[in-house]
Amino acid sequence: MAGIVFSDTELFSNLELTQAVYDLLLSDKQELEVPLFDRDVILAVQQATKVLMQRLVSREPVIVPDVVLQQIVDENDALYRDSNNVKALLEMIGKDYQ
């Protein structure tokens, strides 16, 4: 996992992030060396995110610390693996549209 960021605006597009990560991984080489190692990709994602976030025009985004990431992912997985939880969540969201 590279990170989770909460913001009141769109941070950047998937394409922008992908291109920035590619550029960082490519560096001064002609082609990427494959296979790519997870740690290199995660580091590039984190570096690209910092650069792209400097262009934001918004309030300061909330960046979730690395130590909390796995907990959030685990809780999210548990929520969506239980069909009763998903049904309750969708019903709650649906009430906002009535």
PDB file of N, CA and C in Angstrom:
ATOM      1  N   MET A   1       0.838  -1.179   0.000  1.00  0.00           N
ATOM      2  CA  MET A   1       0.000   0.000   0.000  1.00  0.00           C
ATOM      3  C   MET A   1       0.881   1.239   0.000  1.00  0.00           C
ATOM      4  N   ALA A   2       0.478   2.171  -0.799  1.00  0.00           N
ATOM      5  CA  ALA A   2       1.253   3.403  -0.892  1.00  0.00           C
ATOM      6  C   ALA A   2       0.733   4.475   0.050  1.00  0.00           C
ATOM      7  N   GLY A   3      -0.593   4.553   0.225  1.00  0.00           N
ATOM      8  CA  GLY A   3      -1.119   5.553   1.130  1.00  0.00           C
ATOM      9  C   GLY A   3      -2.582   5.845   0.868  1.00  0.00           C
ATOM     10  N   ILE A   4      -3.173   6.582   1.797  1.00  0.00           N
ATOM     11  CA  ILE A   4      -4.551   7.038   1.686  1.00  0.00           C
ATOM     12  C   ILE A   4      -4.554   8.530   2.016  1.00  0.00           C
ATOM     13  N   VAL A   5      -5.242   9.299   1.167  1.00  0.00           N
ATOM     14  CA  VAL A   5      -5.320  10.741   1.360  1.00  0.00           C
ATOM     15  C   VAL A   5      -6.784  11.148   1.281  1.00  0.00           C
ATOM     16  N   PHE A   6      -7.241  11.958   2.218  1.00  0.00           N
ATOM     17  CA  PHE A   6      -8.593  12.512   2.195  1.00  0.00           C
ATOM     18  C   PHE A   6      -8.480  13.999   1.895  1.00  0.00           C
ATOM     19  N   SER A   7      -9.319  14.463   0.967  1.00  0.00           N
ATOM     20  CA  SER A   7      -9.245  15.863   0.569  1.00  0.00           C
ATOM     21  C   SER A   7     -10.633  16.355   0.165  1.00  0.00           C
ATOM     22  N   ASP A   8     -10.799  17.671   0.122  1.00  0.00           N
ATOM     23  CA  ASP A   8     -12.062  18.246  -0.308  1.00  0.00           C
ATOM     24  C   ASP A   8     -12.050  18.581  -1.800  1.00  0.00           C
ATOM     25  N   THR A   9     -11.044  18.112  -2.504  1.00  0.00           N
ATOM     26  CA  THR A   9     -10.932  18.333  -3.937  1.00  0.00           C
ATOM     27  C   THR A   9     -10.276  17.127  -4.586  1.00  0.00           C
ATOM     28  N   GLU A  10     -10.432  17.009  -5.916  1.00  0.00           N
ATOM     29  CA  GLU A  10      -9.733  15.931  -6.608  1.00  0.00           C
ATOM     30  C   GLU A  10      -8.243  16.220  -6.544  1.00  0.00           C
ATOM     31  N   LEU A  11      -7.489  15.250  -6.082  1.00  0.00           N
ATOM     32  CA  LEU A  11      -6.054  15.450  -5.927  1.00  0.00           C
ATOM     33  C   LEU A  11      -5.367  15.517  -7.284  1.00  0.00           C
ATOM     34  N   PHE A  12      -5.520  14.468  -8.047  1.00  0.00           N
ATOM     35  CA  PHE A  12      -4.946  14.362  -9.387  1.00  0.00           C
ATOM     36  C   PHE A  12      -5.562  13.130 -10.033  1.00  0.00           C
ATOM     37  N   SER A  13      -5.460  13.045 -11.324  1.00  0.00           N
ATOM     38  CA  SER A  13      -6.079  11.917 -12.007  1.00  0.00           C
ATOM     39  C   SER A  13      -5.194  10.675 -11.915  1.00  0.00           C
ATOM     40  N   ASN A  14      -5.801   9.527 -12.158  1.00  0.00           N
ATOM     41  CA  ASN A  14      -5.040   8.276 -12.190  1.00  0.00           C
ATOM     42  C   ASN A  14      -3.947   8.347 -13.245  1.00  0.00           C
ATOM     43  N   LEU A  15      -4.273   8.955 -14.390  1.00  0.00           N
ATOM     44  CA  LEU A  15      -3.291   9.069 -15.472  1.00  0.00           C
ATOM     45  C   LEU A  15      -2.106   9.936 -15.060  1.00  0.00           C
ATOM     46  N   GLU A  16      -2.391  11.055 -14.389  1.00  0.00           N
ATOM     47  CA  GLU A  16      -1.297  11.916 -13.915  1.00  0.00           C
ATOM     48  C   GLU A  16      -0.373  11.163 -12.966  1.00  0.00           C
ATOM     49  N   LEU A  17      -0.971  10.433 -12.028  1.00  0.00           N
ATOM     50  CA  LEU A  17      -0.175   9.674 -11.065  1.00  0.00           C
ATOM     51  C   LEU A  17       0.619   8.583 -11.771  1.00  0.00           C
ATOM     52  N   THR A  18      -0.024   7.853 -12.667  1.00  0.00           N
ATOM     53  CA  THR A  18       0.657   6.776 -13.383  1.00  0.00           C
ATOM     54  C   THR A  18       1.838   7.312 -14.182  1.00  0.00           C
ATOM     55  N   GLN A  19       1.632   8.432 -14.874  1.00  0.00           N
ATOM     56  CA  GLN A  19       2.710   9.013 -15.673  1.00  0.00           C
ATOM     57  C   GLN A  19       3.862   9.481 -14.780  1.00  0.00           C
ATOM     58  N   ALA A  20       3.537  10.111 -13.671  1.00  0.00           N
ATOM     59  CA  ALA A  20       4.585  10.584 -12.756  1.00  0.00           C
ATOM     60  C   ALA A  20       5.372   9.414 -12.168  1.00  0.00           C
ATOM     61  N   VAL A  21       4.674   8.339 -11.807  1.00  0.00           N
ATOM     62  CA  VAL A  21       5.348   7.149 -11.269  1.00  0.00           C
ATOM     63  C   VAL A  21       6.232   6.532 -12.337  1.00  0.00           C
ATOM     64  N   TYR A  22       5.715   6.408 -13.538  1.00  0.00           N
ATOM     65  CA  TYR A  22       6.496   5.858 -14.651  1.00  0.00           C
ATOM     66  C   TYR A  22       7.764   6.679 -14.864  1.00  0.00           C
ATOM     67  N   ASP A  23       7.617   7.996 -14.895  1.00  0.00           N
ATOM     68  CA  ASP A  23       8.777   8.871 -15.109  1.00  0.00           C
ATOM     69  C   ASP A  23       9.815   8.694 -14.010  1.00  0.00           C
ATOM     70  N   LEU A  24       9.363   8.580 -12.764  1.00  0.00           N
ATOM     71  CA  LEU A  24      10.299   8.376 -11.662  1.00  0.00           C
ATOM     72  C   LEU A  24      11.010   7.029 -11.770  1.00  0.00           C
ATOM     73  N   LEU A  25      10.262   5.987 -12.105  1.00  0.00           N
ATOM     74  CA  LEU A  25      10.865   4.661 -12.229  1.00  0.00           C
ATOM     75  C   LEU A  25      11.807   4.582 -13.426  1.00  0.00           C
ATOM     76  N   LEU A  26      11.458   5.267 -14.509  1.00  0.00           N
ATOM     77  CA  LEU A  26      12.279   5.243 -15.713  1.00  0.00           C
ATOM     78  C   LEU A  26      13.590   5.973 -15.484  1.00  0.00           C
ATOM     79  N   SER A  27      13.520   7.106 -14.799  1.00  0.00           N
ATOM     80  CA  SER A  27      14.685   7.927 -14.495  1.00  0.00           C
ATOM     81  C   SER A  27      15.443   8.242 -15.779  1.00  0.00           C
ATOM     82  N   ASP A  28      16.694   7.832 -15.883  1.00  0.00           N
ATOM     83  CA  ASP A  28      17.492   8.125 -17.089  1.00  0.00           C
ATOM     84  C   ASP A  28      17.671   6.894 -17.977  1.00  0.00           C
ATOM     85  N   LYS A  29      16.880   5.850 -17.723  1.00  0.00           N
ATOM     86  CA  LYS A  29      16.960   4.623 -18.520  1.00  0.00           C
ATOM     87  C   LYS A  29      16.104   4.768 -19.779  1.00  0.00           C
ATOM     88  N   GLN A  30      16.367   3.925 -20.771  1.00  0.00           N
ATOM     89  CA  GLN A  30      15.571   3.909 -22.001  1.00  0.00           C
ATOM     90  C   GLN A  30      14.241   3.183 -21.793  1.00  0.00           C
ATOM     91  N   GLU A  31      14.271   2.103 -20.998  1.00  0.00           N
ATOM     92  CA  GLU A  31      13.076   1.314 -20.721  1.00  0.00           C
ATOM     93  C   GLU A  31      13.082   0.895 -19.264  1.00  0.00           C
ATOM     94  N   LEU A  32      11.891   0.596 -18.751  1.00  0.00           N
ATOM     95  CA  LEU A  32      11.800   0.092 -17.386  1.00  0.00           C
ATOM     96  C   LEU A  32      12.364  -1.314 -17.312  1.00  0.00           C
ATOM     97  N   GLU A  33      13.051  -1.575 -16.239  1.00  0.00           N
ATOM     98  CA  GLU A  33      13.551  -2.921 -16.002  1.00  0.00           C
ATOM     99  C   GLU A  33      12.458  -3.697 -15.278  1.00  0.00           C
ATOM    100  N   VAL A  34      12.064  -4.820 -15.878  1.00  0.00           N
ATOM    101  CA  VAL A  34      11.022  -5.639 -15.271  1.00  0.00           C
ATOM    102  C   VAL A  34      11.609  -6.953 -14.822  1.00  0.00           C
ATOM    103  N   PRO A  35      11.102  -7.551 -13.793  1.00  0.00           N
ATOM    104  CA  PRO A  35       9.903  -7.132 -13.068  1.00  0.00           C
ATOM    105  C   PRO A  35      10.186  -5.926 -12.180  1.00  0.00           C
ATOM    106  N   LEU A  36       9.131  -5.168 -11.938  1.00  0.00           N
ATOM    107  CA  LEU A  36       9.230  -4.036 -11.017  1.00  0.00           C
ATOM    108  C   LEU A  36       9.102  -4.562  -9.595  1.00  0.00           C
ATOM    109  N   PHE A  37       9.879  -4.036  -8.715  1.00  0.00           N
ATOM    110  CA  PHE A  37       9.818  -4.441  -7.316  1.00  0.00           C
ATOM    111  C   PHE A  37       8.818  -3.561  -6.571  1.00  0.00           C
ATOM    112  N   ASP A  38       7.998  -4.194  -5.728  1.00  0.00           N
ATOM    113  CA  ASP A  38       6.954  -3.476  -4.987  1.00  0.00           C
ATOM    114  C   ASP A  38       7.509  -2.261  -4.263  1.00  0.00           C
ATOM    115  N   ARG A  39       8.615  -2.442  -3.581  1.00  0.00           N
ATOM    116  CA  ARG A  39       9.158  -1.332  -2.778  1.00  0.00           C
ATOM    117  C   ARG A  39       9.530  -0.144  -3.657  1.00  0.00           C
ATOM    118  N   ASP A  40      10.027  -0.403  -4.877  1.00  0.00           N
ATOM    119  CA  ASP A  40      10.379   0.689  -5.789  1.00  0.00           C
ATOM    120  C   ASP A  40       9.132   1.410  -6.282  1.00  0.00           C
ATOM    121  N   VAL A  41       8.091   0.664  -6.597  1.00  0.00           N
ATOM    122  CA  VAL A  41       6.849   1.258  -7.088  1.00  0.00           C
ATOM    123  C   VAL A  41       6.182   2.066  -5.975  1.00  0.00           C
ATOM    124  N   ILE A  42       6.133   1.500  -4.777  1.00  0.00           N
ATOM    125  CA  ILE A  42       5.514   2.215  -3.650  1.00  0.00           C
ATOM    126  C   ILE A  42       6.263   3.506  -3.356  1.00  0.00           C
ATOM    127  N   LEU A  43       7.570   3.455  -3.364  1.00  0.00           N
ATOM    128  CA  LEU A  43       8.367   4.663  -3.138  1.00  0.00           C
ATOM    129  C   LEU A  43       8.094   5.699  -4.223  1.00  0.00           C
ATOM    130  N   ALA A  44       8.013   5.258  -5.481  1.00  0.00           N
ATOM    131  CA  ALA A  44       7.732   6.174  -6.584  1.00  0.00           C
ATOM    132  C   ALA A  44       6.332   6.776  -6.451  1.00  0.00           C
ATOM    133  N   VAL A  45       5.356   5.977  -6.034  1.00  0.00           N
ATOM    134  CA  VAL A  45       3.993   6.490  -5.829  1.00  0.00           C
ATOM    135  C   VAL A  45       4.001   7.553  -4.732  1.00  0.00           C
ATOM    136  N   GLN A  46       4.699   7.285  -3.648  1.00  0.00           N
ATOM    137  CA  GLN A  46       4.756   8.254  -2.551  1.00  0.00           C
ATOM    138  C   GLN A  46       5.449   9.540  -2.992  1.00  0.00           C
ATOM    139  N   GLN A  47       6.534   9.417  -3.741  1.00  0.00           N
ATOM    140  CA  GLN A  47       7.252  10.602  -4.226  1.00  0.00           C
ATOM    141  C   GLN A  47       6.397  11.388  -5.218  1.00  0.00           C
ATOM    142  N   ALA A  48       5.766  10.687  -6.152  1.00  0.00           N
ATOM    143  CA  ALA A  48       4.923  11.349  -7.149  1.00  0.00           C
ATOM    144  C   ALA A  48       3.748  12.052  -6.474  1.00  0.00           C
ATOM    145  N   THR A  49       3.161  11.416  -5.472  1.00  0.00           N
ATOM    146  CA  THR A  49       2.041  12.007  -4.748  1.00  0.00           C
ATOM    147  C   THR A  49       2.448  13.314  -4.090  1.00  0.00           C
ATOM    148  N   LYS A  50       3.612  13.327  -3.455  1.00  0.00           N
ATOM    149  CA  LYS A  50       4.080  14.563  -2.810  1.00  0.00           C
ATOM    150  C   LYS A  50       4.242  15.688  -3.820  1.00  0.00           C
ATOM    151  N   VAL A  51       4.806  15.375  -4.988  1.00  0.00           N
ATOM    152  CA  VAL A  51       5.017  16.392  -6.015  1.00  0.00           C
ATOM    153  C   VAL A  51       3.683  16.885  -6.561  1.00  0.00           C
ATOM    154  N   LEU A  52       2.788  15.955  -6.895  1.00  0.00           N
ATOM    155  CA  LEU A  52       1.495  16.336  -7.461  1.00  0.00           C
ATOM    156  C   LEU A  52       0.638  17.105  -6.455  1.00  0.00           C
ATOM    157  N   MET A  53       0.742  16.782  -5.186  1.00  0.00           N
ATOM    158  CA  MET A  53      -0.057  17.468  -4.169  1.00  0.00           C
ATOM    159  C   MET A  53       0.397  18.909  -3.950  1.00  0.00           C
ATOM    160  N   GLN A  54       1.613  19.244  -4.331  1.00  0.00           N
ATOM    161  CA  GLN A  54       2.089  20.624  -4.190  1.00  0.00           C
ATOM    162  C   GLN A  54       1.324  21.576  -5.107  1.00  0.00           C
ATOM    163  N   ARG A  55       0.679  21.032  -6.141  1.00  0.00           N
ATOM    164  CA  ARG A  55      -0.073  21.859  -7.085  1.00  0.00           C
ATOM    165  C   ARG A  55      -1.529  22.051  -6.674  1.00  0.00           C
ATOM    166  N   LEU A  56      -1.935  21.432  -5.585  1.00  0.00           N
ATOM    167  CA  LEU A  56      -3.339  21.500  -5.160  1.00  0.00           C
ATOM    168  C   LEU A  56      -3.729  22.896  -4.722  1.00  0.00           C
ATOM    169  N   VAL A  57      -4.961  23.255  -5.077  1.00  0.00           N
ATOM    170  CA  VAL A  57      -5.550  24.485  -4.576  1.00  0.00           C
ATOM    171  C   VAL A  57      -6.725  24.043  -3.706  1.00  0.00           C
ATOM    172  N   SER A  58      -6.449  23.831  -2.446  1.00  0.00           N
ATOM    173  CA  SER A  58      -7.476  23.368  -1.512  1.00  0.00           C
ATOM    174  C   SER A  58      -6.945  23.495  -0.102  1.00  0.00           C
ATOM    175  N   ARG A  59      -7.810  23.094   0.826  1.00  0.00           N
ATOM    176  CA  ARG A  59      -7.338  23.006   2.203  1.00  0.00           C
ATOM    177  C   ARG A  59      -6.317  21.884   2.299  1.00  0.00           C
ATOM    178  N   GLU A  60      -5.567  21.882   3.353  1.00  0.00           N
ATOM    179  CA  GLU A  60      -4.545  20.851   3.557  1.00  0.00           C
ATOM    180  C   GLU A  60      -5.198  19.477   3.624  1.00  0.00           C
ATOM    181  N   PRO A  61      -4.805  18.544   2.737  1.00  0.00           N
ATOM    182  CA  PRO A  61      -5.392  17.197   2.793  1.00  0.00           C
ATOM    183  C   PRO A  61      -4.928  16.427   4.025  1.00  0.00           C
ATOM    184  N   VAL A  62      -5.728  15.446   4.407  1.00  0.00           N
ATOM    185  CA  VAL A  62      -5.369  14.574   5.524  1.00  0.00           C
ATOM    186  C   VAL A  62      -4.670  13.351   4.938  1.00  0.00           C
ATOM    187  N   ILE A  63      -3.444  13.132   5.361  1.00  0.00           N
ATOM    188  CA  ILE A  63      -2.666  11.998   4.879  1.00  0.00           C
ATOM    189  C   ILE A  63      -2.606  10.974   6.006  1.00  0.00           C
ATOM    190  N   VAL A  64      -3.104   9.785   5.716  1.00  0.00           N
ATOM    191  CA  VAL A  64      -3.155   8.735   6.729  1.00  0.00           C
ATOM    192  C   VAL A  64      -1.749   8.171   6.924  1.00  0.00           C
ATOM    193  N   PRO A  65      -1.273   8.120   8.156  1.00  0.00           N
ATOM    194  CA  PRO A  65       0.068   7.585   8.425  1.00  0.00           C
ATOM    195  C   PRO A  65       0.171   6.108   8.045  1.00  0.00           C
ATOM    196  N   ASP A  66       1.353   5.686   7.659  1.00  0.00           N
ATOM    197  CA  ASP A  66       1.594   4.304   7.242  1.00  0.00           C
ATOM    198  C   ASP A  66       1.120   3.282   8.262  1.00  0.00           C
ATOM    199  N   VAL A  67       1.273   3.590   9.537  1.00  0.00           N
ATOM    200  CA  VAL A  67       0.929   2.610  10.577  1.00  0.00           C
ATOM    201  C   VAL A  67      -0.571   2.341  10.651  1.00  0.00           C
ATOM    202  N   VAL A  68      -1.392   3.233  10.086  1.00  0.00           N
ATOM    203  CA  VAL A  68      -2.837   3.078  10.147  1.00  0.00           C
ATOM    204  C   VAL A  68      -3.391   2.442   8.862  1.00  0.00           C
ATOM    205  N   LEU A  69      -2.607   2.427   7.803  1.00  0.00           N
ATOM    206  CA  LEU A  69      -3.093   1.956   6.507  1.00  0.00           C
ATOM    207  C   LEU A  69      -3.651   0.542   6.561  1.00  0.00           C
ATOM    208  N   GLN A  70      -2.910  -0.381   7.107  1.00  0.00           N
ATOM    209  CA  GLN A  70      -3.349  -1.776   7.124  1.00  0.00           C
ATOM    210  C   GLN A  70      -4.636  -1.936   7.918  1.00  0.00           C
ATOM    211  N   GLN A  71      -4.765  -1.195   9.002  1.00  0.00           N
ATOM    212  CA  GLN A  71      -5.988  -1.256   9.809  1.00  0.00           C
ATOM    213  C   GLN A  71      -7.192  -0.806   8.983  1.00  0.00           C
ATOM    214  N   ILE A  72      -7.048   0.272   8.231  1.00  0.00           N
ATOM    215  CA  ILE A  72      -8.143   0.774   7.397  1.00  0.00           C
ATOM    216  C   ILE A  72      -8.489  -0.241   6.309  1.00  0.00           C
ATOM    217  N   VAL A  73      -7.490  -0.804   5.676  1.00  0.00           N
ATOM    218  CA  VAL A  73      -7.732  -1.802   4.630  1.00  0.00           C
ATOM    219  C   VAL A  73      -8.430  -3.027   5.208  1.00  0.00           C
ATOM    220  N   ASP A  74      -7.973  -3.486   6.359  1.00  0.00           N
ATOM    221  CA  ASP A  74      -8.596  -4.654   7.001  1.00  0.00           C
ATOM    222  C   ASP A  74     -10.062  -4.389   7.354  1.00  0.00           C
ATOM    223  N   GLU A  75     -10.348  -3.208   7.908  1.00  0.00           N
ATOM    224  CA  GLU A  75     -11.721  -2.861   8.255  1.00  0.00           C
ATOM    225  C   GLU A  75     -12.594  -2.753   7.010  1.00  0.00           C
ATOM    226  N   ASN A  76     -12.056  -2.184   5.949  1.00  0.00           N
ATOM    227  CA  ASN A  76     -12.784  -2.058   4.695  1.00  0.00           C
ATOM    228  C   ASN A  76     -13.076  -3.442   4.099  1.00  0.00           C
ATOM    229  N   ASP A  77     -12.088  -4.309   4.107  1.00  0.00           N
ATOM    230  CA  ASP A  77     -12.284  -5.679   3.616  1.00  0.00           C
ATOM    231  C   ASP A  77     -13.368  -6.397   4.407  1.00  0.00           C
ATOM    232  N   ALA A  78     -13.317  -6.270   5.726  1.00  0.00           N
ATOM    233  CA  ALA A  78     -14.304  -6.931   6.575  1.00  0.00           C
ATOM    234  C   ALA A  78     -15.711  -6.404   6.282  1.00  0.00           C
ATOM    235  N   LEU A  79     -15.822  -5.103   6.077  1.00  0.00           N
ATOM    236  CA  LEU A  79     -17.114  -4.503   5.781  1.00  0.00           C
ATOM    237  C   LEU A  79     -17.701  -5.062   4.489  1.00  0.00           C
ATOM    238  N   TYR A  80     -16.902  -5.104   3.449  1.00  0.00           N
ATOM    239  CA  TYR A  80     -17.416  -5.500   2.134  1.00  0.00           C
ATOM    240  C   TYR A  80     -17.479  -7.007   1.921  1.00  0.00           C
ATOM    241  N   ARG A  81     -16.885  -7.788   2.774  1.00  0.00           N
ATOM    242  CA  ARG A  81     -16.987  -9.246   2.670  1.00  0.00           C
ATOM    243  C   ARG A  81     -18.281  -9.771   3.294  1.00  0.00           C
ATOM    244  N   ASP A  82     -18.914  -8.962   4.103  1.00  0.00           N
ATOM    245  CA  ASP A  82     -20.157  -9.354   4.772  1.00  0.00           C
ATOM    246  C   ASP A  82     -21.326  -8.712   4.023  1.00  0.00           C
ATOM    247  N   SER A  83     -22.115  -9.531   3.354  1.00  0.00           N
ATOM    248  CA  SER A  83     -23.206  -9.004   2.529  1.00  0.00           C
ATOM    249  C   SER A  83     -24.230  -8.216   3.348  1.00  0.00           C
ATOM    250  N   ASN A  84     -24.420  -8.576   4.609  1.00  0.00           N
ATOM    251  CA  ASN A  84     -25.355  -7.821   5.457  1.00  0.00           C
ATOM    252  C   ASN A  84     -24.839  -6.410   5.707  1.00  0.00           C
ATOM    253  N   ASN A  85     -23.530  -6.263   5.892  1.00  0.00           N
ATOM    254  CA  ASN A  85     -22.943  -4.932   6.068  1.00  0.00           C
ATOM    255  C   ASN A  85     -23.117  -4.091   4.813  1.00  0.00           C
ATOM    256  N   VAL A  86     -22.882  -4.698   3.659  1.00  0.00           N
ATOM    257  CA  VAL A  86     -23.014  -3.973   2.399  1.00  0.00           C
ATOM    258  C   VAL A  86     -24.461  -3.545   2.196  1.00  0.00           C
ATOM    259  N   LYS A  87     -25.392  -4.441   2.459  1.00  0.00           N
ATOM    260  CA  LYS A  87     -26.811  -4.118   2.310  1.00  0.00           C
ATOM    261  C   LYS A  87     -27.194  -2.954   3.223  1.00  0.00           C
ATOM    262  N   ALA A  88     -26.754  -3.006   4.480  1.00  0.00           N
ATOM    263  CA  ALA A  88     -27.064  -1.927   5.437  1.00  0.00           C
ATOM    264  C   ALA A  88     -26.453  -0.604   4.980  1.00  0.00           C
ATOM    265  N   LEU A  89     -25.238  -0.655   4.472  1.00  0.00           N
ATOM    266  CA  LEU A  89     -24.570   0.555   3.992  1.00  0.00           C
ATOM    267  C   LEU A  89     -25.333   1.152   2.815  1.00  0.00           C
ATOM    268  N   LEU A  90     -25.713   0.306   1.858  1.00  0.00           N
ATOM    269  CA  LEU A  90     -26.454   0.799   0.688  1.00  0.00           C
ATOM    270  C   LEU A  90     -27.819   1.345   1.070  1.00  0.00           C
ATOM    271  N   GLU A  91     -28.475   0.706   2.027  1.00  0.00           N
ATOM    272  CA  GLU A  91     -29.776   1.211   2.495  1.00  0.00           C
ATOM    273  C   GLU A  91     -29.607   2.582   3.158  1.00  0.00           C
ATOM    274  N   MET A  92     -28.554   2.737   3.946  1.00  0.00           N
ATOM    275  CA  MET A  92     -28.304   4.010   4.600  1.00  0.00           C
ATOM    276  C   MET A  92     -28.023   5.108   3.561  1.00  0.00           C
ATOM    277  N   ILE A  93     -27.236   4.777   2.557  1.00  0.00           N
ATOM    278  CA  ILE A  93     -26.939   5.753   1.498  1.00  0.00           C
ATOM    279  C   ILE A  93     -28.212   6.076   0.735  1.00  0.00           C
ATOM    280  N   GLY A  94     -29.018   5.050   0.444  1.00  0.00           N
ATOM    281  CA  GLY A  94     -30.255   5.249  -0.301  1.00  0.00           C
ATOM    282  C   GLY A  94     -31.218   6.185   0.387  1.00  0.00           C
ATOM    283  N   LYS A  95     -31.241   6.194   1.711  1.00  0.00           N
ATOM    284  CA  LYS A  95     -32.131   7.094   2.462  1.00  0.00           C
ATOM    285  C   LYS A  95     -31.805   8.555   2.206  1.00  0.00           C
ATOM    286  N   ASP A  96     -30.536   8.837   1.940  1.00  0.00           N
ATOM    287  CA  ASP A  96     -30.127  10.223   1.671  1.00  0.00           C
ATOM    288  C   ASP A  96     -30.676  10.743   0.340  1.00  0.00           C
ATOM    289  N   TYR A  97     -31.094   9.843  -0.525  1.00  0.00           N
ATOM    290  CA  TYR A  97     -31.584  10.238  -1.847  1.00  0.00           C
ATOM    291  C   TYR A  97     -33.100  10.242  -1.943  1.00  0.00           C
ATOM    292  N   GLN A  98     -33.770   9.934  -0.849  1.00  0.00           N
ATOM    293  CA  GLN A  98     -35.226   9.897  -0.884  1.00  0.00           C
ATOM    294  C   GLN A  98     -35.814  11.235  -0.521  1.00  0.00           C
TER     295      GLN A  98
END
